[in-house]
Structure formats: C-alpha cells, structure tokens
N, C-alpha and C. Protein backbone atom coordinates (compact mmCIF):
# COMPACT_ATOMS: atom_id res chain seq x y z
N MET A 1 -124.79 143.35 -142.66
CA MET A 1 -124.37 142.96 -141.34
C MET A 1 -123.97 144.22 -140.57
N LYS A 2 -124.41 144.33 -139.35
CA LYS A 2 -124.08 145.48 -138.51
C LYS A 2 -122.69 145.30 -137.92
N ALA A 3 -122.09 146.43 -137.52
CA ALA A 3 -120.72 146.40 -136.99
C ALA A 3 -120.58 145.43 -135.82
N ILE A 4 -121.52 145.42 -134.91
CA ILE A 4 -121.44 144.53 -133.75
C ILE A 4 -121.49 143.06 -134.18
N GLU A 5 -122.23 142.78 -135.23
CA GLU A 5 -122.30 141.40 -135.75
C GLU A 5 -120.97 140.99 -136.41
N ILE A 6 -120.34 141.95 -137.08
CA ILE A 6 -119.03 141.69 -137.68
C ILE A 6 -118.01 141.41 -136.58
N LEU A 7 -118.04 142.21 -135.54
CA LEU A 7 -117.11 142.00 -134.42
C LEU A 7 -117.34 140.65 -133.75
N LYS A 8 -118.58 140.28 -133.58
CA LYS A 8 -118.91 138.98 -132.98
C LYS A 8 -118.42 137.84 -133.86
N SER A 9 -118.66 137.94 -135.16
CA SER A 9 -118.20 136.91 -136.09
C SER A 9 -116.68 136.81 -136.09
N ALA A 10 -116.01 137.97 -136.07
CA ALA A 10 -114.54 137.97 -136.03
C ALA A 10 -114.04 137.36 -134.73
N SER A 11 -114.71 137.67 -133.65
CA SER A 11 -114.35 137.09 -132.34
C SER A 11 -114.49 135.57 -132.36
N ASP A 12 -115.56 135.11 -132.98
CA ASP A 12 -115.77 133.66 -133.09
C ASP A 12 -114.65 133.01 -133.90
N LEU A 13 -114.16 133.70 -134.93
CA LEU A 13 -113.06 133.16 -135.74
C LEU A 13 -111.77 133.07 -134.92
N VAL A 14 -111.48 134.14 -134.20
CA VAL A 14 -110.23 134.21 -133.45
C VAL A 14 -110.23 133.24 -132.27
N GLY A 15 -111.38 133.06 -131.66
CA GLY A 15 -111.43 132.24 -130.45
C GLY A 15 -112.23 130.96 -130.56
N GLY A 16 -112.81 130.68 -131.70
CA GLY A 16 -113.70 129.54 -131.84
C GLY A 16 -113.05 128.34 -132.49
N ASP A 17 -113.83 127.63 -133.30
CA ASP A 17 -113.37 126.40 -133.94
C ASP A 17 -112.16 126.62 -134.84
N ARG A 18 -112.13 127.76 -135.55
CA ARG A 18 -110.99 128.01 -136.43
C ARG A 18 -109.71 128.15 -135.62
N ALA A 19 -109.82 128.76 -134.44
CA ALA A 19 -108.65 128.88 -133.57
C ALA A 19 -108.17 127.50 -133.12
N LYS A 20 -109.09 126.63 -132.82
CA LYS A 20 -108.73 125.26 -132.44
C LYS A 20 -108.08 124.54 -133.62
N GLN A 21 -108.63 124.74 -134.80
CA GLN A 21 -108.13 124.08 -136.00
C GLN A 21 -106.72 124.56 -136.36
N ASN A 22 -106.48 125.87 -136.28
CA ASN A 22 -105.21 126.46 -136.71
C ASN A 22 -104.17 126.58 -135.60
N GLY A 23 -104.57 126.41 -134.36
CA GLY A 23 -103.64 126.52 -133.24
C GLY A 23 -103.40 127.96 -132.83
N ASP A 24 -102.43 128.14 -131.97
CA ASP A 24 -102.10 129.45 -131.42
C ASP A 24 -101.76 130.44 -132.54
N TYR A 25 -102.47 131.56 -132.57
CA TYR A 25 -102.28 132.49 -133.69
C TYR A 25 -100.92 133.16 -133.67
N THR A 26 -100.33 133.35 -132.49
CA THR A 26 -99.00 133.94 -132.44
C THR A 26 -97.98 132.99 -133.04
N LEU A 27 -98.01 131.73 -132.61
CA LEU A 27 -97.08 130.74 -133.15
C LEU A 27 -97.28 130.55 -134.66
N LEU A 28 -98.53 130.51 -135.08
CA LEU A 28 -98.83 130.34 -136.50
C LEU A 28 -98.21 131.47 -137.32
N HIS A 29 -98.43 132.71 -136.90
CA HIS A 29 -97.96 133.85 -137.69
C HIS A 29 -96.45 134.05 -137.55
N GLU A 30 -95.86 133.60 -136.44
CA GLU A 30 -94.41 133.60 -136.35
C GLU A 30 -93.81 132.62 -137.37
N ARG A 31 -94.46 131.46 -137.52
CA ARG A 31 -93.99 130.48 -138.50
C ARG A 31 -94.14 131.01 -139.92
N VAL A 32 -95.28 131.64 -140.21
CA VAL A 32 -95.47 132.25 -141.53
C VAL A 32 -94.40 133.31 -141.77
N ALA A 33 -94.09 134.09 -140.74
CA ALA A 33 -93.04 135.11 -140.87
C ALA A 33 -91.69 134.48 -141.20
N GLU A 34 -91.38 133.36 -140.59
CA GLU A 34 -90.12 132.65 -140.89
C GLU A 34 -90.10 132.23 -142.36
N LEU A 35 -91.20 131.66 -142.82
CA LEU A 35 -91.27 131.19 -144.21
C LEU A 35 -91.17 132.35 -145.19
N TRP A 36 -91.94 133.42 -144.93
CA TRP A 36 -91.89 134.58 -145.81
C TRP A 36 -90.49 135.21 -145.79
N SER A 37 -89.86 135.27 -144.62
CA SER A 37 -88.52 135.85 -144.51
C SER A 37 -87.53 135.08 -145.38
N THR A 38 -87.64 133.76 -145.32
CA THR A 38 -86.76 132.93 -146.13
C THR A 38 -87.01 133.16 -147.62
N TYR A 39 -88.27 133.14 -147.99
CA TYR A 39 -88.63 133.30 -149.40
C TYR A 39 -88.26 134.69 -149.92
N LEU A 40 -88.54 135.72 -149.15
CA LEU A 40 -88.31 137.09 -149.59
C LEU A 40 -86.88 137.57 -149.35
N LYS A 41 -86.12 136.79 -148.59
CA LYS A 41 -84.73 137.14 -148.24
C LYS A 41 -84.65 138.48 -147.54
N THR A 42 -85.64 138.70 -146.68
CA THR A 42 -85.67 139.89 -145.82
C THR A 42 -86.48 139.55 -144.58
N GLU A 43 -86.15 140.16 -143.48
CA GLU A 43 -86.82 139.84 -142.21
C GLU A 43 -88.28 140.32 -142.23
N VAL A 44 -89.17 139.42 -141.90
CA VAL A 44 -90.60 139.71 -141.79
C VAL A 44 -91.03 139.27 -140.39
N SER A 45 -91.80 140.10 -139.71
CA SER A 45 -92.26 139.77 -138.36
C SER A 45 -93.70 139.25 -138.40
N ALA A 46 -94.10 138.60 -137.33
CA ALA A 46 -95.46 138.06 -137.24
C ALA A 46 -96.51 139.15 -137.39
N ASP A 47 -96.27 140.30 -136.76
CA ASP A 47 -97.26 141.38 -136.87
C ASP A 47 -97.34 141.91 -138.30
N GLN A 48 -96.23 141.89 -139.05
CA GLN A 48 -96.28 142.30 -140.45
C GLN A 48 -97.07 141.30 -141.29
N VAL A 49 -96.92 140.02 -140.98
CA VAL A 49 -97.69 138.98 -141.69
C VAL A 49 -99.18 139.25 -141.53
N VAL A 50 -99.61 139.45 -140.29
CA VAL A 50 -101.04 139.63 -140.02
C VAL A 50 -101.54 140.92 -140.67
N PHE A 51 -100.73 141.98 -140.61
CA PHE A 51 -101.12 143.24 -141.24
C PHE A 51 -101.28 143.04 -142.75
N CYS A 52 -100.35 142.30 -143.36
CA CYS A 52 -100.45 142.02 -144.80
C CYS A 52 -101.68 141.18 -145.12
N MET A 53 -102.04 140.26 -144.24
CA MET A 53 -103.25 139.46 -144.47
C MET A 53 -104.49 140.36 -144.40
N THR A 54 -104.47 141.35 -143.52
CA THR A 54 -105.57 142.33 -143.47
C THR A 54 -105.65 143.08 -144.80
N LEU A 55 -104.49 143.50 -145.30
CA LEU A 55 -104.46 144.20 -146.59
C LEU A 55 -104.94 143.32 -147.73
N LEU A 56 -104.63 142.02 -147.67
CA LEU A 56 -105.14 141.09 -148.68
C LEU A 56 -106.66 141.09 -148.69
N LYS A 57 -107.26 141.05 -147.53
CA LYS A 57 -108.73 141.05 -147.45
C LYS A 57 -109.30 142.35 -147.98
N ILE A 58 -108.63 143.46 -147.72
CA ILE A 58 -109.07 144.76 -148.25
C ILE A 58 -108.97 144.75 -149.77
N ALA A 59 -107.85 144.26 -150.29
CA ALA A 59 -107.67 144.21 -151.75
C ALA A 59 -108.73 143.33 -152.40
N ARG A 60 -109.05 142.20 -151.77
CA ARG A 60 -110.07 141.31 -152.34
C ARG A 60 -111.42 142.01 -152.48
N SER A 61 -111.69 142.94 -151.56
CA SER A 61 -112.98 143.64 -151.62
C SER A 61 -113.05 144.57 -152.82
N GLU A 62 -111.92 144.87 -153.43
CA GLU A 62 -111.88 145.79 -154.56
C GLU A 62 -112.05 145.09 -155.91
N PHE A 63 -111.98 143.76 -155.91
CA PHE A 63 -112.04 143.00 -157.16
C PHE A 63 -113.09 141.91 -157.05
N GLY A 64 -113.63 141.53 -158.18
CA GLY A 64 -114.58 140.42 -158.21
C GLY A 64 -115.87 140.72 -157.48
N SER A 65 -116.58 139.66 -157.18
CA SER A 65 -117.85 139.84 -156.48
C SER A 65 -117.60 140.07 -155.00
N LYS A 66 -118.51 140.77 -154.38
CA LYS A 66 -118.38 141.11 -152.97
C LYS A 66 -118.60 139.88 -152.10
N ASN A 67 -117.75 139.71 -151.13
CA ASN A 67 -117.84 138.60 -150.19
C ASN A 67 -117.85 139.18 -148.78
N PRO A 68 -118.97 139.12 -148.07
CA PRO A 68 -119.04 139.71 -146.73
C PRO A 68 -118.03 139.11 -145.76
N ASP A 69 -117.58 137.90 -146.04
CA ASP A 69 -116.59 137.28 -145.16
C ASP A 69 -115.26 138.02 -145.18
N ASP A 70 -114.96 138.72 -146.27
CA ASP A 70 -113.70 139.46 -146.32
C ASP A 70 -113.63 140.52 -145.22
N GLY A 71 -114.72 141.20 -144.97
CA GLY A 71 -114.74 142.20 -143.90
C GLY A 71 -114.60 141.57 -142.52
N VAL A 72 -115.24 140.43 -142.32
CA VAL A 72 -115.13 139.71 -141.05
C VAL A 72 -113.69 139.23 -140.87
N ASP A 73 -113.13 138.64 -141.92
CA ASP A 73 -111.76 138.15 -141.85
C ASP A 73 -110.77 139.29 -141.60
N ALA A 74 -110.95 140.41 -142.28
CA ALA A 74 -110.07 141.57 -142.07
C ALA A 74 -110.15 142.05 -140.63
N THR A 75 -111.35 142.05 -140.07
CA THR A 75 -111.53 142.44 -138.67
C THR A 75 -110.81 141.48 -137.74
N ALA A 76 -110.92 140.19 -138.02
CA ALA A 76 -110.23 139.19 -137.20
C ALA A 76 -108.72 139.36 -137.31
N TYR A 77 -108.21 139.55 -138.52
CA TYR A 77 -106.77 139.75 -138.69
C TYR A 77 -106.30 141.02 -137.97
N THR A 78 -107.09 142.08 -138.01
CA THR A 78 -106.73 143.31 -137.33
C THR A 78 -106.65 143.09 -135.82
N ALA A 79 -107.57 142.31 -135.27
CA ALA A 79 -107.54 142.00 -133.84
C ALA A 79 -106.29 141.19 -133.49
N ILE A 80 -105.96 140.23 -134.32
CA ILE A 80 -104.76 139.42 -134.09
C ILE A 80 -103.51 140.30 -134.20
N TRP A 81 -103.48 141.17 -135.18
CA TRP A 81 -102.36 142.10 -135.35
C TRP A 81 -102.16 142.93 -134.08
N ALA A 82 -103.24 143.50 -133.55
CA ALA A 82 -103.15 144.33 -132.34
C ALA A 82 -102.68 143.49 -131.15
N ALA A 83 -103.17 142.26 -131.03
CA ALA A 83 -102.77 141.39 -129.92
C ALA A 83 -101.29 141.02 -130.01
N ILE A 84 -100.82 140.70 -131.21
CA ILE A 84 -99.41 140.36 -131.38
C ILE A 84 -98.52 141.57 -131.08
N LEU A 85 -98.93 142.74 -131.53
CA LEU A 85 -98.16 143.95 -131.22
C LEU A 85 -98.12 144.19 -129.72
N GLU A 86 -99.23 143.98 -129.04
CA GLU A 86 -99.28 144.17 -127.59
C GLU A 86 -98.32 143.19 -126.90
N GLN A 87 -98.33 141.93 -127.33
CA GLN A 87 -97.42 140.93 -126.76
C GLN A 87 -95.96 141.32 -127.03
N LYS A 88 -95.71 141.80 -128.23
CA LYS A 88 -94.36 142.17 -128.65
C LYS A 88 -93.83 143.33 -127.81
N ASN A 89 -94.70 144.26 -127.46
CA ASN A 89 -94.30 145.48 -126.74
C ASN A 89 -94.48 145.38 -125.23
N ALA A 90 -94.88 144.19 -124.75
CA ALA A 90 -95.10 144.03 -123.30
C ALA A 90 -93.80 143.89 -122.55
C-alpha cells in the first residue's frame, strides 16, 4: 500500500463509519483516560491514551504475522493524537 493510500484509509477510519460507530473521538479518549487514570491511580490525558494506542499498533507490528491494518490504524491514531493536542492547546 502506498503512503497516500494509507492516509486515505486512515482518514476514512477517523471520519467514516467507524467514527459514527464510536462517536466523537475526543470524548471517547477522554473517557478512556478517566478509566485508565482510575485503574493506574495516576492522571492520564486523552492525548496520552491516543499516543499509547499508536505505540500499541507499532508494537503489534513487531510480533506475529504482519497486518497491514496496524499501519493504517497507527496513522489514524496519530492524526487523532495531533487533533486532540491542537484542541488542548487552542
């Protein structure tokens, strides 16, 4: 898959049917941050959640069989991370 195709696929994930299914990505990752903060007994932010999800996709690429979706998913998570950081710093 070419880089532009990966970006298009990631864009479709962030703004397409999956976005409709999962709801607002900022609210979703803020909720995940609340849950992780409670579980870990330390403050976790939404942007940290998304960054960690990107790292999860990178780690998955190092083990087992290769899954091209991991790169697309990591790209989508990176875009969400940047958007949340931009909102946070606005």
